[in-house]
C-alpha cells in the first residue's frame, strides 16, 4: 500500500518540484549557451528529468536560445535578494519589517540586485 500524503506534504512536494524545474532550467540554459547541449538534446534532457511536456519545454528552450543565461540571472538575483533580506533582518533586529524591506527593494525599480544591495548598504 502506498504512502498517503498530507496537505503539507503535497504543498512541499509542489515547492520541491518548482525548485527542481528551476535547477534543470539553469543547467539547460547554460549548456545551450556553452554548446554542450543542442536544442534537441536539451528537450530530451528536460523530458527525462521533469516528465514529458514537449510543447512547453520546446518554447522554453527557444527562449533560452534567444536570451542566453536569463534563467541563471533569475537565480543569481534571487540569491542576492535573499542575502539582502538576511542582512536586513540581522541589522534591524526587532524593528525589521518585511513589508518595509519589500517597499525599499521595489522602490529601486529594475536596476540590478547588486546595485540595490550597494545603495541600501547591504553590500560593500
C-alpha atoms as a PDB file:
ATOM      1  CA  UNK A   1       0.000   0.000   0.000  1.00  0.00           C
ATOM      2  CA  UNK A   2       1.370   3.446  -0.929  1.00  0.00           C
ATOM      3  CA  UNK A   3       2.029   6.251   1.500  1.00  0.00           C
ATOM      4  CA  UNK A   4      -0.660   8.874   1.900  1.00  0.00           C
ATOM      5  CA  UNK A   5       0.451  12.478   1.533  1.00  0.00           C
ATOM      6  CA  UNK A   6      -0.909  15.013   3.982  1.00  0.00           C
ATOM      7  CA  UNK A   7      -1.814  18.500   2.740  1.00  0.00           C
ATOM      8  CA  UNK A   8       1.526  19.879   3.987  1.00  0.00           C
ATOM      9  CA  UNK A   9       3.403  17.082   2.219  1.00  0.00           C
ATOM     10  CA  UNK A  10       1.635  17.844  -1.064  1.00  0.00           C
ATOM     11  CA  UNK A  11       2.434  21.532  -0.709  1.00  0.00           C
ATOM     12  CA  UNK A  12       6.130  20.816  -0.130  1.00  0.00           C
ATOM     13  CA  UNK A  13       6.136  18.315  -2.977  1.00  0.00           C
ATOM     14  CA  UNK A  14       4.939  21.136  -5.263  1.00  0.00           C
ATOM     15  CA  UNK A  15       7.586  23.514  -3.853  1.00  0.00           C
ATOM     16  CA  UNK A  16      10.342  20.964  -4.454  1.00  0.00           C
ATOM     17  CA  UNK A  17       9.005  20.394  -7.972  1.00  0.00           C
ATOM     18  CA  UNK A  18       9.398  24.109  -8.684  1.00  0.00           C
ATOM     19  CA  UNK A  19      12.922  24.122  -7.280  1.00  0.00           C
ATOM     20  CA  UNK A  20      13.778  21.086  -9.388  1.00  0.00           C
ATOM     21  CA  UNK A  21      12.394  22.746 -12.538  1.00  0.00           C
ATOM     22  CA  UNK A  22      14.424  25.905 -11.925  1.00  0.00           C
ATOM     23  CA  UNK A  23      17.602  23.862 -11.370  1.00  0.00           C
ATOM     24  CA  UNK A  24      17.077  21.919 -14.603  1.00  0.00           C
ATOM     25  CA  UNK A  25      16.308  25.199 -16.394  1.00  0.00           C
ATOM     26  CA  UNK A  26      19.673  26.665 -15.320  1.00  0.00           C
ATOM     27  CA  UNK A  27      21.524  23.524 -16.447  1.00  0.00           C
ATOM     28  CA  UNK A  28      19.830  23.600 -19.849  1.00  0.00           C
ATOM     29  CA  UNK A  29      20.229  27.364 -20.282  1.00  0.00           C
ATOM     30  CA  UNK A  30      23.971  27.289 -19.543  1.00  0.00           C
ATOM     31  CA  UNK A  31      24.542  24.099 -21.553  1.00  0.00           C
ATOM     32  CA  UNK A  32      22.860  25.614 -24.595  1.00  0.00           C
ATOM     33  CA  UNK A  33      24.922  28.782 -24.183  1.00  0.00           C
ATOM     34  CA  UNK A  34      28.253  26.943 -23.989  1.00  0.00           C
ATOM     35  CA  UNK A  35      27.393  24.438 -26.725  1.00  0.00           C
ATOM     36  CA  UNK A  36      27.404  21.274 -24.608  1.00  0.00           C
ATOM     37  CA  UNK A  37      23.706  20.754 -25.443  1.00  0.00           C
ATOM     38  CA  UNK A  38      21.789  21.209 -28.643  1.00  0.00           C
ATOM     39  CA  UNK A  39      18.122  22.200 -28.572  1.00  0.00           C
ATOM     40  CA  UNK A  40      17.211  18.580 -29.360  1.00  0.00           C
ATOM     41  CA  UNK A  41      19.369  17.124 -26.582  1.00  0.00           C
ATOM     42  CA  UNK A  42      18.042  19.780 -24.193  1.00  0.00           C
ATOM     43  CA  UNK A  43      14.484  18.687 -24.977  1.00  0.00           C
ATOM     44  CA  UNK A  44      15.332  15.037 -24.320  1.00  0.00           C
ATOM     45  CA  UNK A  45      17.061  16.001 -21.057  1.00  0.00           C
ATOM     46  CA  UNK A  46      14.128  18.105 -19.829  1.00  0.00           C
ATOM     47  CA  UNK A  47      11.586  15.421 -20.746  1.00  0.00           C
ATOM     48  CA  UNK A  48      13.671  12.766 -18.966  1.00  0.00           C
ATOM     49  CA  UNK A  49      14.268  14.848 -15.859  1.00  0.00           C
ATOM     50  CA  UNK A  50      10.879  16.536 -15.493  1.00  0.00           C
ATOM     51  CA  UNK A  51       8.384  14.340 -17.334  1.00  0.00           C
ATOM     52  CA  UNK A  52       7.054  14.718 -20.851  1.00  0.00           C
ATOM     53  CA  UNK A  53       5.931  18.235 -21.670  1.00  0.00           C
ATOM     54  CA  UNK A  54       7.367  18.673 -25.144  1.00  0.00           C
ATOM     55  CA  UNK A  55       5.424  21.755 -26.255  1.00  0.00           C
ATOM     56  CA  UNK A  56       6.196  23.725 -23.095  1.00  0.00           C
ATOM     57  CA  UNK A  57       9.857  22.667 -22.978  1.00  0.00           C
ATOM     58  CA  UNK A  58      10.313  23.483 -26.677  1.00  0.00           C
ATOM     59  CA  UNK A  59       9.069  27.025 -26.034  1.00  0.00           C
ATOM     60  CA  UNK A  60      11.377  27.334 -23.012  1.00  0.00           C
ATOM     61  CA  UNK A  61      14.380  26.078 -24.995  1.00  0.00           C
ATOM     62  CA  UNK A  62      13.669  28.596 -27.763  1.00  0.00           C
ATOM     63  CA  UNK A  63      13.597  31.332 -25.136  1.00  0.00           C
ATOM     64  CA  UNK A  64      16.941  30.180 -23.676  1.00  0.00           C
ATOM     65  CA  UNK A  65      18.479  30.175 -27.171  1.00  0.00           C
ATOM     66  CA  UNK A  66      17.173  33.684 -27.881  1.00  0.00           C
ATOM     67  CA  UNK A  67      18.206  35.088 -24.473  1.00  0.00           C
ATOM     68  CA  UNK A  68      21.113  33.019 -23.120  1.00  0.00           C
ATOM     69  CA  UNK A  69      21.716  32.839 -19.348  1.00  0.00           C
ATOM     70  CA  UNK A  70      18.429  34.526 -18.435  1.00  0.00           C
ATOM     71  CA  UNK A  71      17.481  31.599 -16.177  1.00  0.00           C
ATOM     72  CA  UNK A  72      20.845  31.831 -14.428  1.00  0.00           C
ATOM     73  CA  UNK A  73      20.330  35.561 -13.892  1.00  0.00           C
ATOM     74  CA  UNK A  74      16.967  34.888 -12.223  1.00  0.00           C
ATOM     75  CA  UNK A  75      18.624  32.502  -9.775  1.00  0.00           C
ATOM     76  CA  UNK A  76      21.541  34.845  -9.110  1.00  0.00           C
ATOM     77  CA  UNK A  77      19.177  37.749  -8.456  1.00  0.00           C
ATOM     78  CA  UNK A  78      17.101  35.633  -6.096  1.00  0.00           C
ATOM     79  CA  UNK A  79      20.192  34.680  -4.089  1.00  0.00           C
ATOM     80  CA  UNK A  80      21.303  38.324  -3.847  1.00  0.00           C
ATOM     81  CA  UNK A  81      17.849  39.382  -2.650  1.00  0.00           C
ATOM     82  CA  UNK A  82      17.778  36.580  -0.052  1.00  0.00           C
ATOM     83  CA  UNK A  83      21.197  37.720   1.172  1.00  0.00           C
ATOM     84  CA  UNK A  84      19.908  41.306   1.454  1.00  0.00           C
ATOM     85  CA  UNK A  85      16.883  40.038   3.370  1.00  0.00           C
ATOM     86  CA  UNK A  86      19.054  38.141   5.855  1.00  0.00           C
ATOM     87  CA  UNK A  87      21.314  41.165   6.346  1.00  0.00           C
ATOM     88  CA  UNK A  88      18.323  43.470   6.831  1.00  0.00           C
ATOM     89  CA  UNK A  89      16.888  41.105   9.453  1.00  0.00           C
ATOM     90  CA  UNK A  90      20.228  40.962  11.252  1.00  0.00           C
ATOM     91  CA  UNK A  91      20.860  44.733  11.113  1.00  0.00           C
ATOM     92  CA  UNK A  92      17.341  45.843  12.003  1.00  0.00           C
ATOM     93  CA  UNK A  93      16.695  43.033  14.500  1.00  0.00           C
ATOM     94  CA  UNK A  94      13.406  43.630  16.332  1.00  0.00           C
ATOM     95  CA  UNK A  95      12.498  46.647  14.198  1.00  0.00           C
ATOM     96  CA  UNK A  96      12.685  44.610  10.958  1.00  0.00           C
ATOM     97  CA  UNK A  97       9.571  44.760   8.779  1.00  0.00           C
ATOM     98  CA  UNK A  98       9.247  42.514   5.736  1.00  0.00           C
ATOM     99  CA  UNK A  99       6.822  44.993   4.210  1.00  0.00           C
ATOM    100  CA  UNK A 100       9.312  47.862   4.642  1.00  0.00           C
ATOM    101  CA  UNK A 101      12.085  45.682   3.168  1.00  0.00           C
ATOM    102  CA  UNK A 102       9.932  44.928   0.103  1.00  0.00           C
ATOM    103  CA  UNK A 103       8.977  48.594  -0.248  1.00  0.00           C
ATOM    104  CA  UNK A 104      12.652  49.653  -0.235  1.00  0.00           C
ATOM    105  CA  UNK A 105      13.598  46.896  -2.668  1.00  0.00           C
ATOM    106  CA  UNK A 106      10.798  47.592  -5.134  1.00  0.00           C
ATOM    107  CA  UNK A 107      11.249  51.371  -4.940  1.00  0.00           C
ATOM    108  CA  UNK A 108      14.579  50.914  -6.761  1.00  0.00           C
ATOM    109  CA  UNK A 109      12.853  49.695  -9.907  1.00  0.00           C
ATOM    110  CA  UNK A 110      14.530  47.379 -12.379  1.00  0.00           C
ATOM    111  CA  UNK A 111      18.191  48.006 -11.600  1.00  0.00           C
ATOM    112  CA  UNK A 112      20.457  45.085 -10.798  1.00  0.00           C
ATOM    113  CA  UNK A 113      20.021  43.484  -7.360  1.00  0.00           C
ATOM    114  CA  UNK A 114      23.762  44.046  -6.801  1.00  0.00           C
ATOM    115  CA  UNK A 115      23.306  47.796  -7.271  1.00  0.00           C
ATOM    116  CA  UNK A 116      20.297  47.790  -4.957  1.00  0.00           C
ATOM    117  CA  UNK A 117      22.358  45.972  -2.308  1.00  0.00           C
ATOM    118  CA  UNK A 118      25.086  48.608  -2.624  1.00  0.00           C
ATOM    119  CA  UNK A 119      22.633  51.501  -2.455  1.00  0.00           C
ATOM    120  CA  UNK A 120      20.770  50.107   0.564  1.00  0.00           C
ATOM    121  CA  UNK A 121      24.001  49.310   2.399  1.00  0.00           C
ATOM    122  CA  UNK A 122      23.781  45.516   2.294  1.00  0.00           C
ATOM    123  CA  UNK A 123      26.935  45.097   0.218  1.00  0.00           C
ATOM    124  CA  UNK A 124      30.388  46.638   0.386  1.00  0.00           C
END
